[in-house]
Amino acid sequence: MTNPPSESIFTRGAVDLSALAGRPTPPDEADVPVGAPVADEPVPTIPPSVGGSTSVVQVTEANFETEVLQRSLAVPVVVNFGSSRADASRELTPALEGMNADDGGSWVLANVDADAYPRIAQMFRVQQIPMVFAIVGGQPLDAFVGRLPDERLRLWIDEVRKASGQEVVLPEDPRLLAADDLLMNGDLDGAEAAYKKILNESPAEQSAEAGLAQIGLYRRLQGVDPAQALAAADRAPDDLAAQSLAADVEMLSGEAERAYGRLVELIKRFSGADREAIRKHLVSLFTIAGPDDPAVATARKALASALF
């Protein structure tokens, strides 16, 4: 998987999880009153999770094998080493629990009080609190140290889920939904302002880039008769403006591959500033379709061949 933040550290093979596997449950544990310490195990200082969800568990040496190793064979287990003495830990634990609830308990959050269970912390080589590990299939997959911002924490969890084979359905961004509504309703100026605002806040947001490129396409085609534009391009194969407009018509008509091919052929016949203008036009059409479109991948290869 991809390590999202700089705090992330790859841990595969660096942790031996067998030390606590098969550890027998203390024989008198069932008879110990609630809240009383079990022999050889101090009382945890991290408060139990709210709601009693089975997907959020408090880990001890006694239940480590069951709650972490065995459950990681079926779903990802996120092991959160924390301490009530650490401010960052007190912030991170509720954030993790909230995301676990958002995901419907599709992964397990295993909270470990590093003060109460130092042996588990030592087994994971924990040197700083908080520290979080992802366990999949009984083995460490990835880890990070410190309190990540919620956005980066969300990305990290989604990457863990994807690596484990879980299907991750990302929620719709309400900002994009609002901008898309403006575009669908024909408010090009409002949609443009909304997409630009999104890109100012999230520069890598491809959907907003695609929205702006689509607005550009709509504006270029305002008042244009599609049939006349295509006929004009047929009559003037070396007319840069006519060919570019015809490509726009084809793109909006669902003939993206024809539009890409037209502009790639045009690049072969022009040089200098004209060639660069055609290239930018073609890239803007790629942006509308998105990088995952197979036709875009094919056209990009053709573009590279035409340029070099």
Protein backbone atom coordinates (compact mmCIF):
# COMPACT_ATOMS: atom_id res chain seq x y z
CA MET A 1 0.00 0.00 0.00
CA THR A 2 1.03 3.59 -0.34
CA ASN A 3 2.31 5.28 2.79
CA PRO A 4 0.20 8.45 2.97
CA PRO A 5 1.87 10.70 5.55
CA SER A 6 5.49 11.18 6.49
CA GLU A 7 4.66 9.79 9.93
CA SER A 8 3.78 6.44 8.34
CA ILE A 9 6.32 3.65 8.77
CA PHE A 10 6.31 0.30 7.04
CA THR A 11 6.41 -2.55 9.50
CA ARG A 12 5.94 -5.79 7.57
CA GLY A 13 8.16 -8.44 9.08
CA ALA A 14 9.47 -6.10 11.78
CA VAL A 15 7.07 -7.26 14.49
CA ASP A 16 6.81 -10.76 15.92
CA LEU A 17 3.19 -11.21 16.92
CA SER A 18 3.66 -14.75 18.16
CA ALA A 19 4.80 -13.71 21.62
CA LEU A 20 1.25 -13.39 22.96
CA ALA A 21 -0.39 -15.94 20.70
CA GLY A 22 -1.81 -18.85 22.59
CA ARG A 23 -1.30 -17.19 25.97
CA PRO A 24 -3.71 -18.92 28.36
CA THR A 25 -6.45 -16.89 29.96
CA PRO A 26 -5.82 -16.43 33.71
CA PRO A 27 -7.81 -19.23 35.40
CA ASP A 28 -9.57 -16.95 37.88
CA GLU A 29 -10.45 -14.21 35.40
CA ALA A 30 -14.12 -15.19 35.15
CA ASP A 31 -14.47 -14.83 38.93
CA VAL A 32 -12.91 -11.38 39.15
CA PRO A 33 -15.50 -8.64 39.89
CA VAL A 34 -16.03 -6.01 37.21
CA GLY A 35 -13.45 -3.25 37.55
CA ALA A 36 -11.05 -5.32 39.66
CA PRO A 37 -7.55 -6.04 38.33
CA VAL A 38 -6.68 -9.46 36.95
CA ALA A 39 -3.56 -11.05 38.42
CA ASP A 40 -0.40 -9.88 36.63
CA GLU A 41 -2.43 -7.40 34.53
CA PRO A 42 -3.00 -3.81 35.69
CA VAL A 43 -6.30 -2.04 35.18
CA PRO A 44 -6.38 -0.11 31.85
CA THR A 45 -6.35 3.66 32.16
CA ILE A 46 -7.91 4.31 28.75
CA PRO A 47 -11.67 4.48 29.22
CA PRO A 48 -13.74 1.82 27.41
CA SER A 49 -15.34 2.71 24.10
CA VAL A 50 -18.76 4.27 24.12
CA GLY A 51 -21.58 2.10 22.84
CA GLY A 52 -19.99 -1.30 23.46
CA SER A 53 -19.47 -1.96 19.74
CA THR A 54 -17.89 -5.34 18.99
CA SER A 55 -15.82 -3.63 16.30
CA VAL A 56 -14.13 -1.45 18.95
CA VAL A 57 -12.36 -3.51 21.59
CA GLN A 58 -10.02 -2.98 24.52
CA VAL A 59 -7.03 -5.28 24.13
CA THR A 60 -5.26 -7.09 26.96
CA GLU A 61 -2.66 -9.82 26.96
CA ALA A 62 -5.45 -12.28 27.65
CA ASN A 63 -7.54 -11.41 24.59
CA PHE A 64 -4.80 -10.30 22.17
CA GLU A 65 -4.82 -13.51 20.13
CA THR A 66 -8.61 -13.55 19.78
CA GLU A 67 -9.26 -9.85 19.22
CA VAL A 68 -6.23 -9.00 17.09
CA LEU A 69 -4.65 -12.04 15.43
CA GLN A 70 -7.73 -14.17 14.81
CA ARG A 71 -10.00 -11.29 13.81
CA SER A 72 -7.38 -9.92 11.40
CA LEU A 73 -7.78 -13.10 9.36
CA ALA A 74 -11.26 -11.91 8.41
CA VAL A 75 -11.13 -8.09 8.57
CA PRO A 76 -8.43 -5.44 9.03
CA VAL A 77 -7.53 -4.71 12.65
CA VAL A 78 -6.22 -1.26 13.55
CA VAL A 79 -4.23 -1.48 16.78
CA ASN A 80 -4.16 1.87 18.56
CA PHE A 81 -1.50 2.22 21.26
CA GLY A 82 -2.49 5.09 23.51
CA SER A 83 -2.21 6.57 26.96
CA SER A 84 -4.46 8.80 29.01
CA ARG A 85 -1.32 10.86 29.73
CA ALA A 86 -0.92 11.88 26.06
CA ASP A 87 -3.08 14.68 24.66
CA ALA A 88 -2.60 13.43 21.09
CA SER A 89 -3.78 9.98 22.15
CA ARG A 90 -6.90 11.38 23.79
CA GLU A 91 -7.71 13.13 20.49
CA LEU A 92 -6.83 10.24 18.18
CA THR A 93 -8.84 7.50 19.88
CA PRO A 94 -12.26 9.21 19.47
CA ALA A 95 -11.38 10.06 15.85
CA LEU A 96 -10.61 6.41 15.11
CA GLU A 97 -13.77 5.27 16.86
CA GLY A 98 -15.84 7.74 14.84
CA MET A 99 -14.38 6.51 11.56
CA ASN A 100 -14.97 2.91 12.61
CA ALA A 101 -18.64 3.80 13.17
CA ASP A 102 -18.78 5.61 9.82
CA ASP A 103 -17.50 2.44 8.12
CA GLY A 104 -20.15 0.31 9.78
CA GLY A 105 -17.65 -1.68 11.82
CA SER A 106 -16.11 -3.22 8.67
CA TRP A 107 -12.74 -3.17 10.44
CA VAL A 108 -11.77 -3.66 14.07
CA LEU A 109 -10.31 -0.92 16.24
CA ALA A 110 -8.23 -2.55 18.95
CA ASN A 111 -7.30 0.00 21.62
CA VAL A 112 -4.28 -0.86 23.77
CA ASP A 113 -3.34 1.05 26.90
CA ALA A 114 0.43 1.18 26.54
CA ASP A 115 0.82 2.06 30.23
CA ALA A 116 -1.24 -0.89 31.40
CA TYR A 117 0.13 -3.42 28.93
CA PRO A 118 3.79 -2.57 28.27
CA ARG A 119 4.52 -6.10 27.12
CA ILE A 120 2.24 -5.67 24.10
CA ALA A 121 3.79 -2.27 23.37
CA GLN A 122 7.28 -3.80 23.58
CA MET A 123 6.28 -6.58 21.20
CA PHE A 124 5.26 -3.93 18.64
CA ARG A 125 8.41 -1.88 19.40
CA VAL A 126 6.32 1.13 20.35
CA GLN A 127 8.57 4.05 21.30
CA GLN A 128 6.15 6.95 21.03
CA ILE A 129 2.47 7.44 21.88
CA PRO A 130 0.15 7.39 20.04
CA MET A 131 1.23 4.76 17.55
CA VAL A 132 -1.15 2.90 15.27
CA PHE A 133 -0.64 -0.39 13.41
CA ALA A 134 -2.71 -2.07 10.70
CA ILE A 135 -2.86 -5.85 11.02
CA VAL A 136 -4.14 -7.89 8.07
CA GLY A 137 -4.04 -11.66 7.84
CA GLY A 138 -2.21 -11.90 11.15
CA GLN A 139 0.68 -9.72 9.97
CA PRO A 140 1.54 -5.99 10.30
CA LEU A 141 0.77 -4.09 7.11
CA ASP A 142 1.56 -0.47 7.93
CA ALA A 143 1.84 1.95 10.84
CA PHE A 144 2.11 5.61 11.75
CA VAL A 145 3.16 7.64 14.77
CA GLY A 146 1.41 10.71 16.15
CA ARG A 147 -1.95 12.39 15.66
CA LEU A 148 -2.77 12.61 11.95
CA PRO A 149 -5.26 15.21 10.74
CA ASP A 150 -8.64 13.58 10.16
CA GLU A 151 -8.37 13.86 6.36
CA ARG A 152 -5.05 12.00 6.27
CA LEU A 153 -6.26 9.50 8.85
CA ARG A 154 -9.28 8.77 6.64
CA LEU A 155 -7.00 8.17 3.65
CA TRP A 156 -4.79 5.85 5.69
CA ILE A 157 -7.73 3.74 6.85
CA ASP A 158 -9.13 3.53 3.32
CA GLU A 159 -5.75 2.35 2.03
CA VAL A 160 -5.65 -0.34 4.71
CA ARG A 161 -9.13 -1.50 3.76
CA LYS A 162 -8.25 -1.58 0.05
CA ALA A 163 -5.06 -3.54 0.76
CA SER A 164 -7.12 -6.11 2.66
CA GLY A 165 -9.47 -6.54 -0.28
CA GLN A 166 -12.38 -4.54 1.09
CA GLU A 167 -14.38 -2.44 -1.33
CA VAL A 168 -14.19 1.19 -0.26
CA VAL A 169 -17.00 3.49 -1.36
CA LEU A 170 -15.96 7.07 -0.76
CA PRO A 171 -18.66 9.52 0.27
CA GLU A 172 -19.61 12.27 -2.15
CA ASP A 173 -18.00 15.63 -1.51
CA PRO A 174 -20.88 18.06 -0.82
CA ARG A 175 -18.85 20.86 -2.41
CA LEU A 176 -18.62 18.92 -5.66
CA LEU A 177 -22.30 17.99 -5.54
CA ALA A 178 -23.23 21.67 -5.23
CA ALA A 179 -20.89 22.69 -8.07
CA ASP A 180 -22.21 19.87 -10.28
CA ASP A 181 -25.78 21.00 -9.64
CA LEU A 182 -24.90 24.51 -10.78
CA LEU A 183 -23.33 23.11 -13.93
CA MET A 184 -26.31 20.86 -14.69
CA ASN A 185 -28.64 23.82 -14.24
CA GLY A 186 -26.67 25.86 -16.78
CA ASP A 187 -25.14 28.32 -14.30
CA LEU A 188 -21.67 28.25 -15.83
CA ASP A 189 -20.40 31.27 -13.91
CA GLY A 190 -21.60 29.92 -10.57
CA ALA A 191 -20.22 26.45 -11.29
CA GLU A 192 -16.88 27.90 -12.37
CA ALA A 193 -16.58 29.89 -9.14
CA ALA A 194 -17.50 26.80 -7.09
CA TYR A 195 -14.96 24.54 -8.83
CA LYS A 196 -12.22 27.16 -8.47
CA LYS A 197 -12.99 27.46 -4.76
CA ILE A 198 -12.67 23.70 -4.38
CA LEU A 199 -9.32 23.69 -6.18
CA ASN A 200 -8.10 26.52 -3.99
CA GLU A 201 -8.90 24.38 -0.94
CA SER A 202 -7.95 21.01 -2.49
CA PRO A 203 -5.51 21.58 -5.39
CA ALA A 204 -5.40 17.89 -6.39
CA GLU A 205 -9.18 17.47 -6.71
CA GLN A 206 -9.49 15.95 -10.19
CA SER A 207 -13.29 16.19 -10.28
CA ALA A 208 -13.12 19.97 -9.91
CA GLU A 209 -10.51 20.16 -12.68
CA ALA A 210 -12.81 18.08 -14.88
CA GLY A 211 -15.70 20.41 -14.07
CA LEU A 212 -13.72 23.47 -15.15
CA ALA A 213 -12.63 21.76 -18.36
CA GLN A 214 -16.24 20.85 -19.10
CA ILE A 215 -17.32 24.47 -18.56
CA GLY A 216 -14.67 25.52 -21.08
CA LEU A 217 -16.07 23.03 -23.57
CA TYR A 218 -19.63 24.30 -23.10
CA ARG A 219 -18.56 27.90 -23.56
CA ARG A 220 -16.66 27.16 -26.76
CA LEU A 221 -19.77 25.49 -28.19
CA GLN A 222 -22.33 28.13 -27.24
CA GLY A 223 -24.25 29.16 -30.37
CA VAL A 224 -22.42 26.60 -32.53
CA ASP A 225 -24.33 24.42 -35.00
CA PRO A 226 -22.70 20.95 -34.69
CA ALA A 227 -23.39 19.88 -38.28
CA GLN A 228 -22.03 23.11 -39.73
CA ALA A 229 -18.93 22.91 -37.52
CA LEU A 230 -18.13 19.38 -38.70
CA ALA A 231 -18.76 20.31 -42.34
CA ALA A 232 -16.44 23.33 -42.03
CA ALA A 233 -13.70 21.11 -40.62
CA ASP A 234 -14.09 18.67 -43.51
CA ARG A 235 -13.65 21.51 -46.01
CA ALA A 236 -10.54 22.90 -44.27
CA PRO A 237 -8.36 20.11 -42.85
CA ASP A 238 -5.56 22.56 -42.02
CA ASP A 239 -7.75 25.19 -40.38
CA LEU A 240 -6.72 25.10 -36.74
CA ALA A 241 -9.84 26.83 -35.42
CA ALA A 242 -12.24 24.71 -37.49
CA GLN A 243 -10.56 21.44 -36.50
CA SER A 244 -10.49 22.36 -32.81
CA LEU A 245 -14.17 23.27 -32.86
CA ALA A 246 -15.01 20.01 -34.61
CA ALA A 247 -13.15 18.10 -31.92
CA ASP A 248 -15.25 19.87 -29.28
CA VAL A 249 -18.43 18.90 -31.11
CA GLU A 250 -17.30 15.28 -31.25
CA MET A 251 -16.38 15.30 -27.57
CA LEU A 252 -19.79 16.62 -26.53
CA SER A 253 -21.50 14.15 -28.89
CA GLY A 254 -19.88 11.17 -27.15
CA GLU A 255 -17.28 10.55 -29.84
CA ALA A 256 -14.27 11.22 -27.64
CA GLU A 257 -11.91 8.87 -29.50
CA ARG A 258 -12.65 10.65 -32.80
CA ALA A 259 -12.00 14.01 -31.13
CA TYR A 260 -8.69 12.82 -29.67
CA GLY A 261 -7.59 11.39 -33.02
CA ARG A 262 -8.48 14.60 -34.84
CA LEU A 263 -6.33 16.72 -32.53
CA VAL A 264 -3.42 14.27 -32.52
CA GLU A 265 -3.35 14.39 -36.32
CA LEU A 266 -3.52 18.17 -36.15
CA ILE A 267 -0.45 18.26 -33.87
CA LYS A 268 1.53 16.41 -36.54
CA ARG A 269 0.88 19.21 -39.02
CA PHE A 270 1.64 22.21 -36.81
CA SER A 271 4.62 23.48 -34.83
CA GLY A 272 5.53 26.18 -32.33
CA ALA A 273 2.79 28.07 -30.52
CA ASP A 274 0.02 26.51 -32.64
CA ARG A 275 1.16 23.03 -31.75
CA GLU A 276 1.26 23.89 -28.04
CA ALA A 277 -2.26 25.34 -28.24
CA ILE A 278 -3.54 22.11 -29.79
CA ARG A 279 -1.79 20.04 -27.13
CA LYS A 280 -3.39 22.08 -24.32
CA HIS A 281 -6.77 21.73 -25.98
CA LEU A 282 -6.34 17.96 -26.17
CA VAL A 283 -5.24 17.73 -22.55
CA SER A 284 -8.33 19.68 -21.49
CA LEU A 285 -10.48 17.05 -23.21
CA PHE A 286 -8.53 14.31 -21.41
CA THR A 287 -9.32 16.08 -18.13
CA ILE A 288 -13.05 15.92 -18.82
CA ALA A 289 -12.96 12.16 -19.39
CA GLY A 290 -10.64 11.46 -16.46
CA PRO A 291 -7.36 9.54 -16.18
CA ASP A 292 -9.05 6.13 -15.81
CA ASP A 293 -10.73 6.26 -19.22
CA PRO A 294 -9.07 3.65 -21.48
CA ALA A 295 -9.53 5.92 -24.50
CA VAL A 296 -7.53 8.61 -22.73
CA ALA A 297 -4.66 6.20 -22.07
CA THR A 298 -4.57 5.21 -25.75
CA ALA A 299 -4.75 8.82 -26.91
CA ARG A 300 -1.97 9.87 -24.55
CA LYS A 301 0.34 7.31 -26.16
CA ALA A 302 -0.58 8.64 -29.59
CA LEU A 303 0.06 12.19 -28.39
CA ALA A 304 3.49 11.26 -27.03
CA SER A 305 4.37 9.62 -30.33
CA ALA A 306 3.24 12.71 -32.28
CA LEU A 307 5.22 15.05 -30.05
CA PHE A 308 8.45 13.07 -29.84
